[in-house]
Amino acid sequence: MRLILLGPPGAGKGTQSQRLVDKHGIVQLSTGDMLRAAVAAGTPVGLKAKSIMEAGQLVPDEVVVAIIADRIDQPDASKGFVLDGFPRTVPQAEALDKLLADRGLKLDAVIELKVDEGILIKRIENRVAEMTARGEKVRSDDKPEVLKGRLDAYRAQTAPLTGYYDSKGMLRSVDGMAPVDQVTAALDGILKPSKTI
């Protein structure tokens, strides 16, 4: 089972990815985690990524795709994976299609967690207020203005992926504003017919 979960920051992709991992015995592939692991392992592509990151630059698509290629070739990914944070752009999605086709693989589903951005921002504002009231330190990425910036970036770069995958007949949508267990049940309903491994 090979999946992509799409949705803006705060949509619950991480929570649902972990549930899919636990239920289906697949691996969660987070680009950030994979980049750090490749750098730590000193792989050729990891060393290339390290020099780019140390220069304060964004890691180019071809390096990220090479890291994903290395990762999906590892034995624990043989049963499948859920991609978290990749692809972020249509060119990355096209590169992923080619990467999978070269291995005789394909995606089983692309699922969008649809959310109301206004409610997401309100949730963050409430969480920050509660944490502040309890005297807890608020992480910089938990601030509403940071979330707004991340949502803007998502709309500009990643939201076009919904059209890309919809045009291929692969996109399914789930109400990401529903309670966590209902979102999980909706995902299960979409994935149930899939018998591919």
N, C-alpha and C. Protein backbone atom coordinates (compact mmCIF):
# COMPACT_ATOMS: atom_id res chain seq x y z
N MET A 1 0.84 -1.18 0.00
CA MET A 1 0.00 0.00 0.00
C MET A 1 0.89 1.24 0.00
N ARG A 2 0.73 2.06 -1.03
CA ARG A 2 1.52 3.28 -1.15
C ARG A 2 0.59 4.48 -1.22
N LEU A 3 0.73 5.38 -0.26
CA LEU A 3 -0.22 6.47 -0.10
C LEU A 3 0.45 7.82 0.03
N ILE A 4 -0.31 8.85 -0.34
CA ILE A 4 0.06 10.23 -0.04
C ILE A 4 -1.10 10.84 0.71
N LEU A 5 -0.81 11.50 1.82
CA LEU A 5 -1.81 12.29 2.52
C LEU A 5 -1.52 13.75 2.23
N LEU A 6 -2.52 14.47 1.73
CA LEU A 6 -2.38 15.89 1.47
C LEU A 6 -3.24 16.68 2.45
N GLY A 7 -2.81 17.87 2.74
CA GLY A 7 -3.58 18.75 3.62
C GLY A 7 -2.65 19.77 4.21
N PRO A 8 -3.21 20.92 4.57
CA PRO A 8 -2.37 21.98 5.13
C PRO A 8 -1.83 21.62 6.51
N PRO A 9 -0.88 22.40 7.01
CA PRO A 9 -0.38 22.18 8.37
C PRO A 9 -1.54 22.21 9.35
N GLY A 10 -1.54 21.27 10.27
CA GLY A 10 -2.60 21.22 11.28
C GLY A 10 -3.80 20.39 10.87
N ALA A 11 -3.75 19.79 9.67
CA ALA A 11 -4.90 19.01 9.19
C ALA A 11 -4.98 17.63 9.83
N GLY A 12 -3.91 17.19 10.49
CA GLY A 12 -3.92 15.88 11.13
C GLY A 12 -3.21 14.80 10.34
N LYS A 13 -2.39 15.19 9.37
CA LYS A 13 -1.69 14.19 8.55
C LYS A 13 -0.78 13.31 9.39
N GLY A 14 -0.06 13.90 10.34
CA GLY A 14 0.85 13.11 11.17
C GLY A 14 0.12 12.08 12.00
N THR A 15 -0.98 12.49 12.61
CA THR A 15 -1.79 11.56 13.42
C THR A 15 -2.32 10.42 12.57
N GLN A 16 -2.89 10.76 11.42
CA GLN A 16 -3.47 9.72 10.56
C GLN A 16 -2.39 8.84 9.94
N SER A 17 -1.24 9.42 9.60
CA SER A 17 -0.13 8.61 9.06
C SER A 17 0.28 7.55 10.07
N GLN A 18 0.41 7.95 11.33
CA GLN A 18 0.83 6.99 12.37
C GLN A 18 -0.19 5.88 12.53
N ARG A 19 -1.47 6.22 12.45
CA ARG A 19 -2.51 5.18 12.55
C ARG A 19 -2.45 4.22 11.36
N LEU A 20 -2.18 4.75 10.17
CA LEU A 20 -2.05 3.89 8.99
C LEU A 20 -0.83 2.97 9.11
N VAL A 21 0.25 3.50 9.63
CA VAL A 21 1.47 2.71 9.86
C VAL A 21 1.15 1.55 10.81
N ASP A 22 0.50 1.87 11.93
CA ASP A 22 0.18 0.85 12.93
C ASP A 22 -0.77 -0.21 12.39
N LYS A 23 -1.76 0.22 11.62
CA LYS A 23 -2.79 -0.71 11.14
C LYS A 23 -2.31 -1.58 9.99
N HIS A 24 -1.54 -1.00 9.06
CA HIS A 24 -1.20 -1.72 7.83
C HIS A 24 0.24 -2.21 7.75
N GLY A 25 1.05 -1.92 8.77
CA GLY A 25 2.43 -2.39 8.77
C GLY A 25 3.28 -1.75 7.69
N ILE A 26 2.91 -0.52 7.31
CA ILE A 26 3.69 0.22 6.32
C ILE A 26 4.58 1.22 7.07
N VAL A 27 5.41 1.94 6.35
CA VAL A 27 6.29 2.91 7.00
C VAL A 27 5.87 4.33 6.61
N GLN A 28 6.07 5.25 7.55
CA GLN A 28 5.82 6.66 7.28
C GLN A 28 7.11 7.26 6.77
N LEU A 29 7.05 7.89 5.62
CA LEU A 29 8.22 8.50 5.03
C LEU A 29 8.08 10.02 5.12
N SER A 30 8.79 10.59 6.07
CA SER A 30 8.80 12.03 6.26
C SER A 30 10.07 12.56 5.61
N THR A 31 9.93 13.51 4.69
CA THR A 31 11.11 14.01 3.99
C THR A 31 12.13 14.61 4.96
N GLY A 32 11.65 15.33 5.96
CA GLY A 32 12.57 15.92 6.93
C GLY A 32 13.37 14.85 7.66
N ASP A 33 12.67 13.81 8.13
CA ASP A 33 13.35 12.71 8.82
C ASP A 33 14.34 12.00 7.90
N MET A 34 13.91 11.78 6.65
CA MET A 34 14.78 11.07 5.70
C MET A 34 16.03 11.88 5.37
N LEU A 35 15.87 13.19 5.21
CA LEU A 35 17.03 14.04 4.95
C LEU A 35 18.02 13.97 6.11
N ARG A 36 17.49 14.10 7.34
CA ARG A 36 18.38 14.05 8.51
C ARG A 36 19.07 12.69 8.62
N ALA A 37 18.34 11.61 8.33
CA ALA A 37 18.92 10.26 8.41
C ALA A 37 20.00 10.07 7.35
N ALA A 38 19.74 10.55 6.13
CA ALA A 38 20.73 10.41 5.05
C ALA A 38 21.99 11.19 5.37
N VAL A 39 21.81 12.38 5.95
CA VAL A 39 22.97 13.19 6.35
C VAL A 39 23.76 12.47 7.44
N ALA A 40 23.03 11.96 8.46
CA ALA A 40 23.68 11.27 9.58
C ALA A 40 24.40 10.01 9.12
N ALA A 41 23.81 9.30 8.14
CA ALA A 41 24.41 8.05 7.65
C ALA A 41 25.59 8.32 6.72
N GLY A 42 25.71 9.57 6.25
CA GLY A 42 26.82 9.90 5.37
C GLY A 42 26.71 9.27 3.99
N THR A 43 25.47 8.98 3.54
CA THR A 43 25.30 8.43 2.20
C THR A 43 25.72 9.49 1.18
N PRO A 44 26.05 9.08 -0.05
CA PRO A 44 26.45 10.08 -1.04
C PRO A 44 25.42 11.20 -1.21
N VAL A 45 24.14 10.81 -1.29
CA VAL A 45 23.11 11.83 -1.46
C VAL A 45 22.93 12.64 -0.17
N GLY A 46 23.16 11.98 0.97
CA GLY A 46 23.09 12.68 2.26
C GLY A 46 24.18 13.73 2.39
N LEU A 47 25.38 13.39 1.93
CA LEU A 47 26.49 14.36 1.96
C LEU A 47 26.21 15.55 1.06
N LYS A 48 25.59 15.27 -0.09
CA LYS A 48 25.23 16.36 -1.01
C LYS A 48 24.20 17.27 -0.34
N ALA A 49 23.19 16.66 0.30
CA ALA A 49 22.15 17.43 0.98
C ALA A 49 22.75 18.24 2.13
N LYS A 50 23.70 17.65 2.84
CA LYS A 50 24.31 18.34 3.98
C LYS A 50 25.00 19.63 3.53
N SER A 51 25.77 19.55 2.44
CA SER A 51 26.48 20.74 1.99
C SER A 51 25.51 21.83 1.54
N ILE A 52 24.39 21.42 0.94
CA ILE A 52 23.38 22.39 0.50
C ILE A 52 22.72 23.04 1.72
N MET A 53 22.36 22.22 2.71
CA MET A 53 21.70 22.75 3.91
C MET A 53 22.64 23.64 4.71
N GLU A 54 23.92 23.25 4.79
CA GLU A 54 24.89 24.07 5.53
C GLU A 54 25.09 25.43 4.87
N ALA A 55 24.83 25.49 3.57
CA ALA A 55 24.93 26.77 2.85
C ALA A 55 23.64 27.59 3.02
N GLY A 56 22.68 27.02 3.76
CA GLY A 56 21.43 27.73 4.01
C GLY A 56 20.46 27.71 2.85
N GLN A 57 20.66 26.76 1.94
CA GLN A 57 19.79 26.67 0.77
C GLN A 57 18.78 25.54 0.92
N LEU A 58 17.71 25.62 0.12
CA LEU A 58 16.72 24.54 0.08
C LEU A 58 17.30 23.38 -0.72
N VAL A 59 17.04 22.18 -0.25
CA VAL A 59 17.52 20.99 -0.95
C VAL A 59 16.70 20.85 -2.24
N PRO A 60 17.37 20.78 -3.41
CA PRO A 60 16.63 20.70 -4.67
C PRO A 60 15.88 19.38 -4.83
N ASP A 61 14.87 19.44 -5.70
CA ASP A 61 13.99 18.28 -5.91
C ASP A 61 14.75 17.00 -6.21
N GLU A 62 15.78 17.11 -7.09
CA GLU A 62 16.46 15.87 -7.49
C GLU A 62 17.15 15.19 -6.31
N VAL A 63 17.62 15.97 -5.34
CA VAL A 63 18.26 15.38 -4.16
C VAL A 63 17.21 14.74 -3.26
N VAL A 64 16.08 15.44 -3.07
CA VAL A 64 15.00 14.89 -2.24
C VAL A 64 14.48 13.60 -2.88
N VAL A 65 14.29 13.61 -4.18
CA VAL A 65 13.79 12.41 -4.88
C VAL A 65 14.79 11.26 -4.74
N ALA A 66 16.09 11.56 -4.83
CA ALA A 66 17.11 10.52 -4.67
C ALA A 66 17.06 9.92 -3.27
N ILE A 67 16.84 10.76 -2.26
CA ILE A 67 16.73 10.26 -0.89
C ILE A 67 15.50 9.36 -0.74
N ILE A 68 14.39 9.77 -1.35
CA ILE A 68 13.18 8.95 -1.29
C ILE A 68 13.41 7.64 -2.03
N ALA A 69 14.08 7.70 -3.16
CA ALA A 69 14.38 6.47 -3.91
C ALA A 69 15.18 5.50 -3.05
N ASP A 70 16.22 6.01 -2.38
CA ASP A 70 17.03 5.16 -1.49
C ASP A 70 16.15 4.55 -0.40
N ARG A 71 15.26 5.39 0.14
CA ARG A 71 14.46 4.94 1.30
C ARG A 71 13.43 3.88 0.90
N ILE A 72 12.76 4.07 -0.24
CA ILE A 72 11.73 3.07 -0.59
C ILE A 72 12.34 1.75 -1.06
N ASP A 73 13.64 1.74 -1.33
CA ASP A 73 14.32 0.50 -1.69
C ASP A 73 14.70 -0.32 -0.46
N GLN A 74 14.54 0.25 0.73
CA GLN A 74 14.90 -0.48 1.95
C GLN A 74 13.83 -1.52 2.28
N PRO A 75 14.23 -2.64 2.89
CA PRO A 75 13.30 -3.76 3.12
C PRO A 75 12.03 -3.39 3.89
N ASP A 76 12.14 -2.49 4.87
CA ASP A 76 10.94 -2.19 5.67
C ASP A 76 9.88 -1.43 4.89
N ALA A 77 10.22 -0.92 3.70
CA ALA A 77 9.24 -0.21 2.87
C ALA A 77 8.60 -1.13 1.84
N SER A 78 8.96 -2.42 1.88
CA SER A 78 8.46 -3.33 0.85
C SER A 78 6.95 -3.54 0.93
N LYS A 79 6.36 -3.42 2.13
CA LYS A 79 4.91 -3.57 2.26
C LYS A 79 4.17 -2.29 1.89
N GLY A 80 4.93 -1.20 1.78
CA GLY A 80 4.30 0.06 1.40
C GLY A 80 4.71 1.19 2.31
N PHE A 81 4.15 2.38 2.01
CA PHE A 81 4.51 3.57 2.77
C PHE A 81 3.43 4.63 2.64
N VAL A 82 3.47 5.56 3.57
CA VAL A 82 2.65 6.76 3.47
C VAL A 82 3.62 7.93 3.47
N LEU A 83 3.51 8.76 2.45
CA LEU A 83 4.40 9.91 2.31
C LEU A 83 3.87 11.10 3.09
N ASP A 84 4.76 11.70 3.85
CA ASP A 84 4.42 12.84 4.71
C ASP A 84 5.36 13.99 4.34
N GLY A 85 4.81 15.05 3.76
CA GLY A 85 5.64 16.19 3.39
C GLY A 85 6.24 16.10 2.00
N PHE A 86 5.83 15.12 1.25
CA PHE A 86 6.29 14.97 -0.13
C PHE A 86 5.22 14.23 -0.90
N PRO A 87 4.93 14.61 -2.11
CA PRO A 87 5.46 15.75 -2.83
C PRO A 87 4.83 17.06 -2.34
N ARG A 88 5.58 18.14 -2.50
CA ARG A 88 5.07 19.47 -2.13
C ARG A 88 4.67 20.29 -3.35
N THR A 89 5.15 19.87 -4.53
CA THR A 89 4.88 20.61 -5.76
C THR A 89 4.54 19.62 -6.88
N VAL A 90 3.94 20.14 -7.95
CA VAL A 90 3.62 19.27 -9.08
C VAL A 90 4.89 18.67 -9.70
N PRO A 91 5.99 19.44 -9.88
CA PRO A 91 7.20 18.79 -10.40
C PRO A 91 7.69 17.63 -9.51
N GLN A 92 7.55 17.77 -8.20
CA GLN A 92 7.93 16.66 -7.31
C GLN A 92 6.99 15.47 -7.52
N ALA A 93 5.71 15.73 -7.73
CA ALA A 93 4.75 14.64 -7.97
C ALA A 93 5.10 13.91 -9.26
N GLU A 94 5.48 14.66 -10.28
CA GLU A 94 5.88 14.05 -11.55
C GLU A 94 7.14 13.20 -11.38
N ALA A 95 8.09 13.70 -10.58
CA ALA A 95 9.32 12.95 -10.32
C ALA A 95 9.00 11.68 -9.54
N LEU A 96 8.06 11.76 -8.60
CA LEU A 96 7.65 10.58 -7.83
C LEU A 96 7.00 9.55 -8.75
N ASP A 97 6.14 10.00 -9.65
CA ASP A 97 5.50 9.07 -10.60
C ASP A 97 6.56 8.30 -11.38
N LYS A 98 7.57 9.02 -11.86
CA LYS A 98 8.64 8.39 -12.65
C LYS A 98 9.44 7.41 -11.79
N LEU A 99 9.77 7.84 -10.57
CA LEU A 99 10.51 6.99 -9.64
C LEU A 99 9.77 5.67 -9.40
N LEU A 100 8.48 5.77 -9.13
CA LEU A 100 7.69 4.56 -8.86
C LEU A 100 7.57 3.70 -10.12
N ALA A 101 7.30 4.34 -11.27
CA ALA A 101 7.16 3.59 -12.53
C ALA A 101 8.45 2.83 -12.85
N ASP A 102 9.60 3.46 -12.60
CA ASP A 102 10.89 2.81 -12.84
C ASP A 102 11.06 1.54 -12.02
N ARG A 103 10.33 1.45 -10.90
CA ARG A 103 10.40 0.28 -10.02
C ARG A 103 9.20 -0.65 -10.20
N GLY A 104 8.35 -0.33 -11.16
CA GLY A 104 7.15 -1.14 -11.37
C GLY A 104 6.12 -0.96 -10.27
N LEU A 105 6.14 0.19 -9.61
CA LEU A 105 5.21 0.46 -8.52
C LEU A 105 4.27 1.59 -8.90
N LYS A 106 3.19 1.75 -8.14
CA LYS A 106 2.30 2.88 -8.33
C LYS A 106 1.67 3.25 -6.99
N LEU A 107 1.12 4.44 -6.93
CA LEU A 107 0.40 4.86 -5.73
C LEU A 107 -0.95 4.17 -5.69
N ASP A 108 -1.39 3.80 -4.48
CA ASP A 108 -2.71 3.21 -4.32
C ASP A 108 -3.76 4.28 -4.06
N ALA A 109 -3.37 5.37 -3.41
CA ALA A 109 -4.33 6.43 -3.13
C ALA A 109 -3.61 7.73 -2.78
N VAL A 110 -4.28 8.82 -3.10
CA VAL A 110 -3.87 10.15 -2.67
C VAL A 110 -5.09 10.71 -1.96
N ILE A 111 -4.96 10.97 -0.67
CA ILE A 111 -6.10 11.38 0.13
C ILE A 111 -5.86 12.77 0.70
N GLU A 112 -6.80 13.66 0.42
CA GLU A 112 -6.73 15.02 0.92
C GLU A 112 -7.57 15.14 2.19
N LEU A 113 -6.95 15.67 3.23
CA LEU A 113 -7.69 15.98 4.45
C LEU A 113 -8.15 17.42 4.31
N LYS A 114 -9.43 17.59 4.02
CA LYS A 114 -9.98 18.94 3.81
C LYS A 114 -10.27 19.58 5.16
N VAL A 115 -9.83 20.81 5.32
CA VAL A 115 -10.02 21.51 6.58
C VAL A 115 -10.43 22.96 6.34
N ASP A 116 -10.99 23.57 7.38
CA ASP A 116 -11.34 24.99 7.36
C ASP A 116 -10.17 25.73 8.00
N GLU A 117 -9.45 26.52 7.18
CA GLU A 117 -8.24 27.19 7.69
C GLU A 117 -8.56 28.15 8.83
N GLY A 118 -9.71 28.81 8.77
CA GLY A 118 -10.10 29.73 9.84
C GLY A 118 -10.21 29.02 11.17
N ILE A 119 -10.78 27.81 11.14
CA ILE A 119 -10.92 27.03 12.38
C ILE A 119 -9.55 26.55 12.86
N LEU A 120 -8.67 26.16 11.92
CA LEU A 120 -7.31 25.76 12.32
C LEU A 120 -6.60 26.89 13.06
N ILE A 121 -6.70 28.11 12.51
CA ILE A 121 -6.05 29.26 13.13
C ILE A 121 -6.65 29.52 14.51
N LYS A 122 -7.97 29.41 14.62
CA LYS A 122 -8.64 29.62 15.91
C LYS A 122 -8.16 28.57 16.93
N ARG A 123 -8.02 27.33 16.48
CA ARG A 123 -7.53 26.26 17.38
C ARG A 123 -6.15 26.61 17.92
N ILE A 124 -5.27 27.07 17.02
CA ILE A 124 -3.90 27.44 17.44
C ILE A 124 -3.96 28.61 18.43
N GLU A 125 -4.79 29.61 18.13
CA GLU A 125 -4.91 30.76 19.04
C GLU A 125 -5.38 30.30 20.42
N ASN A 126 -6.36 29.39 20.45
CA ASN A 126 -6.85 28.87 21.73
C ASN A 126 -5.78 28.07 22.46
N ARG A 127 -5.04 27.24 21.70
CA ARG A 127 -3.99 26.43 22.32
C ARG A 127 -2.90 27.33 22.92
N VAL A 128 -2.52 28.36 22.17
CA VAL A 128 -1.50 29.30 22.66
C VAL A 128 -2.00 30.00 23.93
N ALA A 129 -3.26 30.43 23.92
CA ALA A 129 -3.83 31.10 25.10
C ALA A 129 -3.84 30.16 26.31
N GLU A 130 -4.21 28.89 26.10
CA GLU A 130 -4.24 27.91 27.19
C GLU A 130 -2.83 27.64 27.71
N MET A 131 -1.86 27.50 26.80
CA MET A 131 -0.49 27.23 27.22
C MET A 131 0.07 28.42 27.99
N THR A 132 -0.21 29.61 27.50
CA THR A 132 0.26 30.83 28.17
C THR A 132 -0.36 30.93 29.57
N ALA A 133 -1.65 30.62 29.67
CA ALA A 133 -2.34 30.68 30.96
C ALA A 133 -1.75 29.68 31.96
N ARG A 134 -1.26 28.55 31.44
CA ARG A 134 -0.65 27.52 32.31
C ARG A 134 0.83 27.81 32.57
N GLY A 135 1.35 28.87 31.94
CA GLY A 135 2.76 29.21 32.13
C GLY A 135 3.70 28.35 31.31
N GLU A 136 3.16 27.67 30.30
CA GLU A 136 3.99 26.80 29.45
C GLU A 136 4.62 27.63 28.34
N LYS A 137 5.79 27.15 27.89
CA LYS A 137 6.48 27.83 26.79
C LYS A 137 5.77 27.48 25.48
N VAL A 138 5.52 28.50 24.66
CA VAL A 138 4.87 28.31 23.37
C VAL A 138 5.95 28.16 22.30
N ARG A 139 5.89 27.05 21.54
CA ARG A 139 6.85 26.84 20.46
C ARG A 139 6.60 27.88 19.37
N SER A 140 7.66 28.27 18.68
CA SER A 140 7.53 29.30 17.65
C SER A 140 6.58 28.87 16.54
N ASP A 141 6.56 27.55 16.22
CA ASP A 141 5.67 27.12 15.14
C ASP A 141 4.23 26.91 15.60
N ASP A 142 3.96 27.16 16.88
CA ASP A 142 2.59 27.10 17.39
C ASP A 142 1.92 28.47 17.39
N LYS A 143 2.60 29.48 16.89
CA LYS A 143 2.02 30.82 16.89
C LYS A 143 1.13 31.01 15.67
N PRO A 144 -0.03 31.66 15.86
CA PRO A 144 -0.97 31.84 14.74
C PRO A 144 -0.35 32.49 13.51
N GLU A 145 0.53 33.48 13.70
CA GLU A 145 1.12 34.15 12.54
C GLU A 145 2.04 33.20 11.75
N VAL A 146 2.69 32.27 12.46
CA VAL A 146 3.54 31.27 11.79
C VAL A 146 2.66 30.31 10.99
N LEU A 147 1.55 29.88 11.61
CA LEU A 147 0.63 28.99 10.91
C LEU A 147 0.06 29.67 9.67
N LYS A 148 -0.29 30.94 9.79
CA LYS A 148 -0.82 31.67 8.62
C LYS A 148 0.19 31.67 7.48
N GLY A 149 1.45 31.88 7.79
CA GLY A 149 2.50 31.85 6.76
C GLY A 149 2.63 30.47 6.14
N ARG A 150 2.55 29.45 6.97
CA ARG A 150 2.65 28.07 6.45
C ARG A 150 1.44 27.72 5.59
N LEU A 151 0.27 28.23 5.97
CA LEU A 151 -0.94 28.00 5.17
C LEU A 151 -0.83 28.70 3.81
N ASP A 152 -0.28 29.92 3.82
CA ASP A 152 -0.07 30.65 2.56
C ASP A 152 0.86 29.85 1.64
N ALA A 153 1.95 29.34 2.21
CA ALA A 153 2.91 28.55 1.42
C ALA A 153 2.25 27.28 0.89
N TYR A 154 1.43 26.65 1.72
CA TYR A 154 0.72 25.43 1.28
C TYR A 154 -0.18 25.73 0.09
N ARG A 155 -0.97 26.81 0.21
CA ARG A 155 -1.88 27.16 -0.88
C ARG A 155 -1.12 27.44 -2.18
N ALA A 156 0.00 28.12 -2.07
CA ALA A 156 0.77 28.49 -3.27
C ALA A 156 1.48 27.30 -3.90
N GLN A 157 2.09 26.45 -3.07
CA GLN A 157 2.95 25.39 -3.59
C GLN A 157 2.29 24.03 -3.68
N THR A 158 1.57 23.64 -2.62
CA THR A 158 1.11 22.25 -2.50
C THR A 158 -0.33 22.04 -2.92
N ALA A 159 -1.19 23.01 -2.72
CA ALA A 159 -2.61 22.84 -3.08
C ALA A 159 -2.79 22.44 -4.55
N PRO A 160 -1.95 22.92 -5.50
CA PRO A 160 -2.13 22.48 -6.89
C PRO A 160 -2.01 20.97 -7.09
N LEU A 161 -1.45 20.26 -6.13
CA LEU A 161 -1.36 18.80 -6.23
C LEU A 161 -2.74 18.16 -6.27
N THR A 162 -3.73 18.80 -5.64
CA THR A 162 -5.08 18.21 -5.65
C THR A 162 -5.58 18.13 -7.09
N GLY A 163 -5.36 19.18 -7.88
CA GLY A 163 -5.76 19.15 -9.29
C GLY A 163 -4.98 18.12 -10.08
N TYR A 164 -3.68 18.03 -9.79
CA TYR A 164 -2.82 17.07 -10.49
C TYR A 164 -3.32 15.64 -10.28
N TYR A 165 -3.55 15.27 -9.02
CA TYR A 165 -3.98 13.89 -8.74
C TYR A 165 -5.44 13.66 -9.10
N ASP A 166 -6.28 14.71 -9.02
CA ASP A 166 -7.67 14.58 -9.42
C ASP A 166 -7.76 14.30 -10.92
N SER A 167 -6.91 14.96 -11.70
CA SER A 167 -6.93 14.75 -13.15
C SER A 167 -6.52 13.32 -13.51
N LYS A 168 -5.82 12.64 -12.60
CA LYS A 168 -5.42 11.25 -12.83
C LYS A 168 -6.44 10.27 -12.23
N GLY A 169 -7.51 10.83 -11.62
CA GLY A 169 -8.54 9.98 -11.02
C GLY A 169 -8.12 9.33 -9.72
N MET A 170 -7.07 9.87 -9.08
CA MET A 170 -6.53 9.24 -7.87
C MET A 170 -6.94 9.92 -6.57
N LEU A 171 -7.43 11.16 -6.66
CA LEU A 171 -7.67 11.95 -5.45
C LEU A 171 -8.98 11.56 -4.77
N ARG A 172 -8.89 11.35 -3.47
CA ARG A 172 -10.06 11.15 -2.62
C ARG A 172 -9.97 12.19 -1.52
N SER A 173 -11.12 12.62 -1.03
CA SER A 173 -11.13 13.65 0.02
C SER A 173 -11.86 13.16 1.25
N VAL A 174 -11.37 13.62 2.40
CA VAL A 174 -11.94 13.27 3.69
C VAL A 174 -12.10 14.56 4.48
N ASP A 175 -13.15 14.65 5.27
CA ASP A 175 -13.37 15.82 6.12
C ASP A 175 -12.38 15.78 7.28
N GLY A 176 -11.31 16.56 7.15
CA GLY A 176 -10.29 16.59 8.20
C GLY A 176 -10.72 17.32 9.46
N MET A 177 -11.90 17.97 9.42
CA MET A 177 -12.40 18.67 10.61
C MET A 177 -13.19 17.73 11.51
N ALA A 178 -13.50 16.54 11.03
CA ALA A 178 -14.23 15.56 11.83
C ALA A 178 -13.35 15.10 12.99
N PRO A 179 -13.96 14.51 14.04
CA PRO A 179 -13.14 13.94 15.12
C PRO A 179 -12.14 12.93 14.57
N VAL A 180 -11.00 12.80 15.24
CA VAL A 180 -9.89 11.97 14.77
C VAL A 180 -10.34 10.56 14.39
N ASP A 181 -11.15 9.92 15.24
CA ASP A 181 -11.58 8.55 14.95
C ASP A 181 -12.46 8.48 13.71
N GLN A 182 -13.25 9.51 13.46
CA GLN A 182 -14.09 9.53 12.25
C GLN A 182 -13.22 9.71 11.00
N VAL A 183 -12.18 10.51 11.10
CA VAL A 183 -11.25 10.68 9.97
C VAL A 183 -10.58 9.33 9.68
N THR A 184 -10.16 8.63 10.73
CA THR A 184 -9.54 7.31 10.57
C THR A 184 -10.51 6.35 9.89
N ALA A 185 -11.76 6.36 10.32
CA ALA A 185 -12.78 5.47 9.73
C ALA A 185 -13.00 5.81 8.25
N ALA A 186 -13.00 7.09 7.93
CA ALA A 186 -13.17 7.50 6.53
C ALA A 186 -12.00 7.03 5.69
N LEU A 187 -10.79 7.14 6.23
CA LEU A 187 -9.60 6.64 5.51
C LEU A 187 -9.71 5.14 5.30
N ASP A 188 -10.12 4.42 6.34
CA ASP A 188 -10.28 2.96 6.23
C ASP A 188 -11.27 2.61 5.13
N GLY A 189 -12.36 3.40 5.04
CA GLY A 189 -13.36 3.15 4.01
C GLY A 189 -12.80 3.32 2.61
N ILE A 190 -11.94 4.31 2.45
CA ILE A 190 -11.32 4.53 1.13
C ILE A 190 -10.33 3.43 0.81
N LEU A 191 -9.59 2.98 1.80
CA LEU A 191 -8.51 2.01 1.56
C LEU A 191 -8.96 0.56 1.53
N LYS A 192 -10.15 0.28 2.08
CA LYS A 192 -10.63 -1.10 2.17
C LYS A 192 -10.61 -1.85 0.84
N PRO A 193 -11.10 -1.24 -0.26
CA PRO A 193 -11.13 -2.00 -1.52
C PRO A 193 -9.74 -2.33 -2.08
N SER A 194 -8.73 -1.61 -1.62
CA SER A 194 -7.38 -1.81 -2.16
C SER A 194 -6.79 -3.12 -1.69
N LYS A 195 -6.44 -3.97 -2.64
CA LYS A 195 -5.85 -5.27 -2.30
C LYS A 195 -4.38 -5.34 -2.70
N THR A 196 -3.85 -4.24 -3.24
CA THR A 196 -2.46 -4.27 -3.70
C THR A 196 -1.49 -4.20 -2.52
N ILE A 197 -0.33 -4.77 -2.73
CA ILE A 197 0.71 -4.73 -1.69
C ILE A 197 1.96 -4.15 -2.30
